[in-house]
Amino acid sequence: MEQSTIMWIGFNMFVLAMLALDLGVFHKKAHEVKMKEALTWSAVWISLALVFNVLIYYFWDWMAPGSEYSNKDAALAFITGYVIEKSLSVDNVFVFLMVFTYFRVPSLYQHKVLFWGILGALVMRAIFIFAGVALITKFHWMIYLFGALLIITGIKMVTQKNKKLDPEKNPMIRLFRKFFPVTNEYHGDHFFAKIDGRKVATPLFIVLLFIETTDVIFAVDSIPAILAITSNPFIVYTSNVFAILGLRALYFALAGIMGLFHYLHYGLSVILVFVGAKMMLVDLYKIPIELSLAVIMVILVISVVLSKMFPPKKASAH
């Protein structure tokens, strides 16, 4: 068996094992995830990503013999992609917070929704990644299209910052409600329930459906962003997976303090414009991965520091 095949199988087995451990052992019983637990799991996922990055640094030449990347370049591409995906996932956290508030989802059931939502996101991201890599490989001009998409998205993030969430206008939810009965009452942590002999969807399933459909939209932004760094399918896939796996813990860790990082949204828009420009300039000048990582980290640090220095103004009492 070739090293690349072993590499893909081994990584996916690791992901499945971690998911089984998460749901089957640590979260077998529904409970409210507290800050300490969320921070612990965030540290675990970040540590695993860093350990994996070290493995790439030392064993990339074995993992992908004949690759155009050196061990150092592969490790830099992974960590840069991971930082981009982790940063952009903060926007997912905003959406999770708004949709849970909108549907008044009890904190007891939020972890289960996010678990299945992220499981679906992993499948969809894999499809988007391989489709994106295939398109760029076969049609080089697609890189300019992706670059333009990122720049437009970055600009829209600023201009539409205060756009209100209205899940009921989501076309997938409207279509689902048209063909399947939905109850307005929660039935524990169940996605479906039986009422008067017929099967109905609970609000928890509607929340899951909304999270899945919005992740497709996020994938349209995030996948091109990492393709600006590398088109190696394994690096793109693994950096995405690690960022997504840590998304639930990130939500529970940040949900209560999201308002403190009000300038981060602007920082993310600048990052999208930067990586979009990087793609557009690829045939004129290829920005080194080291420089890309440095620019992204500086933007994030400035966003957080400005948020701390200039806290949001409190709403007037009148």
Protein backbone atom coordinates (compact mmCIF):
# COMPACT_ATOMS: atom_id res chain seq x y z
CA MET A 1 0.00 0.00 0.00
CA GLU A 2 1.37 3.45 -0.97
CA GLN A 3 2.28 5.95 1.72
CA SER A 4 -0.33 8.43 0.49
CA THR A 5 -3.10 5.83 0.85
CA ILE A 6 -1.93 4.92 4.36
CA MET A 7 -1.81 8.63 5.17
CA TRP A 8 -5.42 9.26 4.07
CA ILE A 9 -6.81 6.14 5.74
CA GLY A 10 -4.88 6.73 8.95
CA PHE A 11 -5.98 10.35 9.28
CA ASN A 12 -9.66 9.58 8.67
CA MET A 13 -9.56 6.70 11.16
CA PHE A 14 -8.10 9.12 13.70
CA VAL A 15 -10.94 11.59 13.04
CA LEU A 16 -13.63 8.90 13.40
CA ALA A 17 -12.01 7.63 16.62
CA MET A 18 -11.96 11.15 18.11
CA LEU A 19 -15.60 11.75 17.15
CA ALA A 20 -16.63 8.41 18.67
CA LEU A 21 -14.70 9.26 21.85
CA ASP A 22 -16.29 12.69 21.99
CA LEU A 23 -19.92 11.60 21.58
CA GLY A 24 -19.73 8.07 22.99
CA VAL A 25 -17.67 8.75 26.11
CA PHE A 26 -17.28 12.40 27.09
CA HIS A 27 -20.71 13.58 25.92
CA LYS A 28 -22.73 10.38 26.20
CA LYS A 29 -25.21 12.17 28.46
CA ALA A 30 -26.61 15.55 27.43
CA HIS A 31 -25.25 18.31 29.65
CA GLU A 32 -24.55 22.00 29.57
CA VAL A 33 -20.97 22.65 28.44
CA LYS A 34 -19.30 25.01 30.90
CA MET A 35 -16.43 27.39 30.15
CA LYS A 36 -13.77 25.19 31.83
CA GLU A 37 -14.75 22.13 29.78
CA ALA A 38 -14.91 24.19 26.57
CA LEU A 39 -11.45 25.69 27.16
CA THR A 40 -10.04 22.23 27.93
CA TRP A 41 -11.41 20.78 24.67
CA SER A 42 -10.22 23.84 22.72
CA ALA A 43 -6.73 23.27 24.12
CA VAL A 44 -6.94 19.56 23.18
CA TRP A 45 -7.91 20.26 19.54
CA ILE A 46 -5.33 23.02 19.10
CA SER A 47 -2.64 20.80 20.64
CA LEU A 48 -3.56 17.92 18.32
CA ALA A 49 -3.33 20.25 15.31
CA LEU A 50 0.12 21.43 16.43
CA VAL A 51 1.31 17.86 17.02
CA PHE A 52 0.10 16.94 13.54
CA ASN A 53 1.98 19.94 12.17
CA VAL A 54 5.16 18.65 13.80
CA LEU A 55 4.56 15.22 12.22
CA ILE A 56 4.26 16.89 8.81
CA TYR A 57 7.51 18.76 9.42
CA TYR A 58 9.45 15.58 10.20
CA PHE A 59 7.70 12.98 8.03
CA TRP A 60 6.28 14.83 4.99
CA ASP A 61 8.92 13.36 2.67
CA TRP A 62 7.66 9.90 3.69
CA MET A 63 3.98 10.89 3.65
CA ALA A 64 4.09 12.39 0.18
CA PRO A 65 7.19 11.21 -1.72
CA GLY A 66 7.82 13.30 -4.80
CA SER A 67 5.81 16.25 -3.44
CA GLU A 68 6.69 19.74 -4.68
CA TYR A 69 6.89 20.79 -1.03
CA SER A 70 9.82 20.37 1.30
CA ASN A 71 9.03 19.28 4.86
CA LYS A 72 9.31 22.89 6.05
CA ASP A 73 7.06 24.27 3.29
CA ALA A 74 4.42 21.59 3.89
CA ALA A 75 4.38 22.35 7.63
CA LEU A 76 4.13 26.09 6.96
CA ALA A 77 1.30 25.54 4.46
CA PHE A 78 -0.60 23.44 7.02
CA ILE A 79 -0.27 25.89 9.91
CA THR A 80 -1.14 28.87 7.67
CA GLY A 81 -4.21 27.06 6.34
CA TYR A 82 -5.18 26.08 9.88
CA VAL A 83 -4.88 29.65 11.16
CA ILE A 84 -7.01 30.95 8.25
CA GLU A 85 -9.71 28.31 8.78
CA LYS A 86 -9.66 28.75 12.56
CA SER A 87 -10.00 32.52 12.15
CA LEU A 88 -12.83 32.29 9.65
CA SER A 89 -14.62 29.80 11.89
CA VAL A 90 -15.20 32.66 14.34
CA ASP A 91 -17.91 33.79 11.92
CA ASN A 92 -19.53 30.36 12.32
CA VAL A 93 -19.57 30.98 16.07
CA PHE A 94 -21.48 34.24 15.49
CA VAL A 95 -24.07 32.33 13.46
CA PHE A 96 -24.35 29.52 16.04
CA LEU A 97 -24.94 32.10 18.76
CA MET A 98 -27.62 33.93 16.76
CA VAL A 99 -29.49 30.80 15.64
CA PHE A 100 -29.46 29.25 19.14
CA THR A 101 -30.81 32.54 20.52
CA TYR A 102 -33.42 32.85 17.75
CA PHE A 103 -34.79 29.34 18.32
CA ARG A 104 -34.23 29.49 22.10
CA VAL A 105 -32.30 26.21 22.03
CA PRO A 106 -31.73 24.96 25.60
CA SER A 107 -28.01 24.92 26.43
CA LEU A 108 -28.43 21.26 27.35
CA TYR A 109 -28.99 20.30 23.69
CA GLN A 110 -26.61 22.66 21.92
CA HIS A 111 -23.64 20.27 21.93
CA LYS A 112 -25.61 17.52 20.15
CA VAL A 113 -26.75 19.91 17.42
CA LEU A 114 -23.20 21.12 16.86
CA PHE A 115 -21.82 17.57 16.86
CA TRP A 116 -24.09 16.42 14.02
CA GLY A 117 -23.80 19.77 12.28
CA ILE A 118 -20.03 19.55 12.23
CA LEU A 119 -20.12 15.91 11.12
CA GLY A 120 -22.14 17.01 8.09
CA ALA A 121 -19.76 19.93 7.57
CA LEU A 122 -16.80 17.52 7.37
CA VAL A 123 -18.46 15.63 4.51
CA MET A 124 -19.40 18.80 2.63
CA ARG A 125 -15.96 20.37 3.11
CA ALA A 126 -14.31 17.26 1.67
CA ILE A 127 -16.51 17.53 -1.44
CA PHE A 128 -15.75 21.26 -1.80
CA ILE A 129 -12.00 20.71 -1.31
CA PHE A 130 -11.61 18.02 -3.97
CA ALA A 131 -13.86 19.94 -6.37
CA GLY A 132 -11.86 23.14 -5.80
CA VAL A 133 -8.48 21.46 -6.25
CA ALA A 134 -9.71 19.70 -9.40
CA LEU A 135 -11.02 22.95 -10.88
CA ILE A 136 -7.81 24.89 -10.22
CA THR A 137 -5.69 22.02 -11.56
CA LYS A 138 -7.72 21.66 -14.76
CA PHE A 139 -8.71 25.30 -15.30
CA HIS A 140 -5.99 27.68 -14.09
CA TRP A 141 -8.22 30.72 -14.69
CA MET A 142 -10.46 29.50 -11.84
CA ILE A 143 -7.86 30.80 -9.40
CA TYR A 144 -8.73 34.35 -10.50
CA LEU A 145 -12.43 33.63 -10.03
CA PHE A 146 -11.79 32.31 -6.50
CA GLY A 147 -9.61 35.33 -5.76
CA ALA A 148 -12.29 37.77 -6.91
CA LEU A 149 -14.89 35.87 -4.84
CA LEU A 150 -12.78 36.26 -1.70
CA ILE A 151 -12.25 40.00 -2.26
CA ILE A 152 -15.98 40.56 -2.81
CA THR A 153 -16.81 38.48 0.27
CA GLY A 154 -14.31 40.43 2.37
CA ILE A 155 -15.90 43.71 1.34
CA LYS A 156 -19.43 42.36 1.97
CA MET A 157 -18.42 41.26 5.48
CA VAL A 158 -17.88 44.93 6.36
CA THR A 159 -20.84 46.42 4.50
CA GLN A 160 -23.29 43.81 5.81
CA LYS A 161 -21.89 43.51 9.34
CA ASN A 162 -25.17 44.37 11.07
CA LYS A 163 -27.42 42.31 8.81
CA LYS A 164 -30.01 40.53 10.97
CA LEU A 165 -30.45 36.78 10.95
CA ASP A 166 -33.82 35.41 9.81
CA PRO A 167 -33.64 31.60 9.61
CA GLU A 168 -37.25 31.37 8.44
CA LYS A 169 -36.18 32.93 5.12
CA ASN A 170 -33.63 30.17 4.55
CA PRO A 171 -34.80 28.39 1.34
CA MET A 172 -33.88 24.92 2.66
CA ILE A 173 -35.94 25.44 5.83
CA ARG A 174 -38.90 26.82 3.86
CA LEU A 175 -38.76 23.86 1.47
CA PHE A 176 -38.52 21.38 4.35
CA ARG A 177 -41.50 22.94 6.16
CA LYS A 178 -43.52 22.69 2.95
CA PHE A 179 -43.16 18.90 2.72
CA PHE A 180 -42.62 17.80 6.32
CA PRO A 181 -44.62 18.66 9.48
CA VAL A 182 -42.71 20.59 12.15
CA THR A 183 -43.70 21.04 15.78
CA ASN A 184 -42.91 24.23 17.69
CA GLU A 185 -42.10 22.33 20.90
CA TYR A 186 -38.83 20.67 21.87
CA HIS A 187 -38.93 16.95 22.66
CA GLY A 188 -35.76 16.56 24.69
CA ASP A 189 -32.69 16.27 22.46
CA HIS A 190 -34.62 14.44 19.71
CA PHE A 191 -34.61 15.70 16.13
CA PHE A 192 -37.90 13.92 15.40
CA ALA A 193 -40.91 12.96 17.51
CA LYS A 194 -44.26 11.19 17.12
CA ILE A 195 -47.37 13.29 17.75
CA ASP A 196 -50.84 11.79 17.26
CA GLY A 197 -49.33 8.86 15.40
CA ARG A 198 -47.38 10.88 12.84
CA LYS A 199 -43.70 11.69 12.69
CA VAL A 200 -42.79 15.37 12.99
CA ALA A 201 -39.53 17.31 13.04
CA THR A 202 -38.67 19.23 16.19
CA PRO A 203 -37.18 22.75 16.26
CA LEU A 204 -33.84 21.08 17.05
CA PHE A 205 -33.80 19.53 13.56
CA ILE A 206 -34.63 22.91 11.98
CA VAL A 207 -31.64 24.38 13.83
CA LEU A 208 -29.45 21.54 12.52
CA LEU A 209 -30.73 22.09 8.98
CA PHE A 210 -29.95 25.79 9.20
CA ILE A 211 -26.43 25.16 10.51
CA GLU A 212 -25.74 22.67 7.70
CA THR A 213 -26.93 25.03 4.96
CA THR A 214 -25.01 28.02 6.33
CA ASP A 215 -21.84 25.91 6.45
CA VAL A 216 -22.15 25.42 2.70
CA ILE A 217 -22.05 29.21 2.36
CA PHE A 218 -19.03 29.42 4.68
CA ALA A 219 -17.27 26.69 2.69
CA VAL A 220 -17.61 28.78 -0.48
CA ASP A 221 -15.47 31.41 1.29
CA SER A 222 -13.09 29.32 3.35
CA ILE A 223 -12.05 26.70 0.79
CA PRO A 224 -10.83 29.27 -1.79
CA ALA A 225 -9.05 31.07 1.07
CA ILE A 226 -6.90 28.06 1.88
CA LEU A 227 -6.44 27.23 -1.81
CA ALA A 228 -4.66 30.58 -2.01
CA ILE A 229 -2.02 29.06 0.30
CA THR A 230 -1.77 25.54 -1.17
CA SER A 231 -3.57 23.27 -3.59
CA ASN A 232 -2.26 20.09 -1.99
CA PRO A 233 -5.48 18.14 -1.19
CA PHE A 234 -4.13 16.49 1.97
CA ILE A 235 -2.90 19.74 3.53
CA VAL A 236 -6.11 21.58 2.61
CA TYR A 237 -8.27 18.74 3.95
CA THR A 238 -6.41 18.15 7.22
CA SER A 239 -6.14 21.83 8.14
CA ASN A 240 -9.87 22.22 7.46
CA VAL A 241 -10.77 19.14 9.50
CA PHE A 242 -8.75 20.23 12.53
CA ALA A 243 -10.32 23.70 12.43
CA ILE A 244 -13.85 22.25 12.15
CA LEU A 245 -13.32 19.62 14.87
CA GLY A 246 -12.41 22.35 17.32
CA LEU A 247 -15.37 24.51 16.32
CA ARG A 248 -17.80 23.22 18.98
CA ALA A 249 -15.36 23.83 21.82
CA LEU A 250 -14.57 27.26 20.33
CA TYR A 251 -18.28 28.14 20.35
CA PHE A 252 -18.79 27.23 24.01
CA ALA A 253 -15.56 29.01 24.96
CA LEU A 254 -16.34 32.25 23.10
CA ALA A 255 -20.16 32.45 23.05
CA GLY A 256 -20.34 34.59 26.18
CA ILE A 257 -17.57 37.01 25.21
CA MET A 258 -18.05 37.43 21.44
CA GLY A 259 -19.07 41.06 21.91
CA LEU A 260 -15.60 41.89 23.27
CA PHE A 261 -13.97 41.14 19.89
CA HIS A 262 -16.06 43.55 17.81
CA TYR A 263 -13.12 44.52 15.55
CA LEU A 264 -12.29 40.90 14.73
CA HIS A 265 -14.99 40.91 12.05
CA TYR A 266 -13.11 43.66 10.22
CA GLY A 267 -9.85 41.77 10.61
CA LEU A 268 -11.39 38.68 8.99
CA SER A 269 -12.61 40.78 6.06
CA VAL A 270 -9.07 42.15 5.57
CA ILE A 271 -7.70 38.58 5.63
CA LEU A 272 -10.16 37.50 2.94
CA VAL A 273 -9.21 40.48 0.75
CA PHE A 274 -5.51 39.72 1.30
CA VAL A 275 -5.72 36.04 0.34
CA GLY A 276 -7.99 36.97 -2.58
CA ALA A 277 -5.38 39.42 -3.84
CA LYS A 278 -2.73 36.72 -3.32
CA MET A 279 -4.64 34.44 -5.70
CA MET A 280 -5.15 37.21 -8.25
CA LEU A 281 -1.40 38.00 -8.27
CA VAL A 282 -0.21 34.39 -8.39
CA ASP A 283 1.13 34.61 -11.97
CA LEU A 284 2.86 37.95 -11.35
CA TYR A 285 4.27 37.34 -7.88
CA LYS A 286 3.90 34.35 -5.61
CA ILE A 287 3.73 35.62 -2.03
CA PRO A 288 5.82 33.27 0.18
CA ILE A 289 3.88 31.16 2.69
CA GLU A 290 5.98 32.59 5.55
CA LEU A 291 4.93 36.13 4.61
CA SER A 292 1.27 35.10 4.25
CA LEU A 293 1.29 33.56 7.73
CA ALA A 294 2.97 36.65 9.21
CA VAL A 295 0.46 39.04 7.58
CA ILE A 296 -2.53 36.97 8.76
CA MET A 297 -1.22 36.74 12.33
CA VAL A 298 -0.51 40.50 12.46
CA ILE A 299 -4.04 41.31 11.21
CA LEU A 300 -5.57 39.03 13.86
CA VAL A 301 -3.44 40.48 16.66
CA ILE A 302 -4.25 44.07 15.63
CA SER A 303 -7.99 43.22 15.51
CA VAL A 304 -7.93 41.76 19.03
CA VAL A 305 -5.77 44.57 20.46
CA LEU A 306 -8.02 47.27 18.97
CA SER A 307 -11.07 45.47 20.36
CA LYS A 308 -9.45 45.54 23.80
CA MET A 309 -8.29 49.17 23.53
CA PHE A 310 -11.60 50.48 22.19
CA PRO A 311 -14.43 48.42 23.77
CA PRO A 312 -17.91 48.68 22.24
CA LYS A 313 -19.97 51.58 23.47
CA LYS A 314 -22.76 50.61 25.85
CA ALA A 315 -26.26 51.16 24.55
CA SER A 316 -28.01 54.19 25.96
CA ALA A 317 -30.56 53.50 28.67
CA HIS A 318 -33.07 55.77 26.90
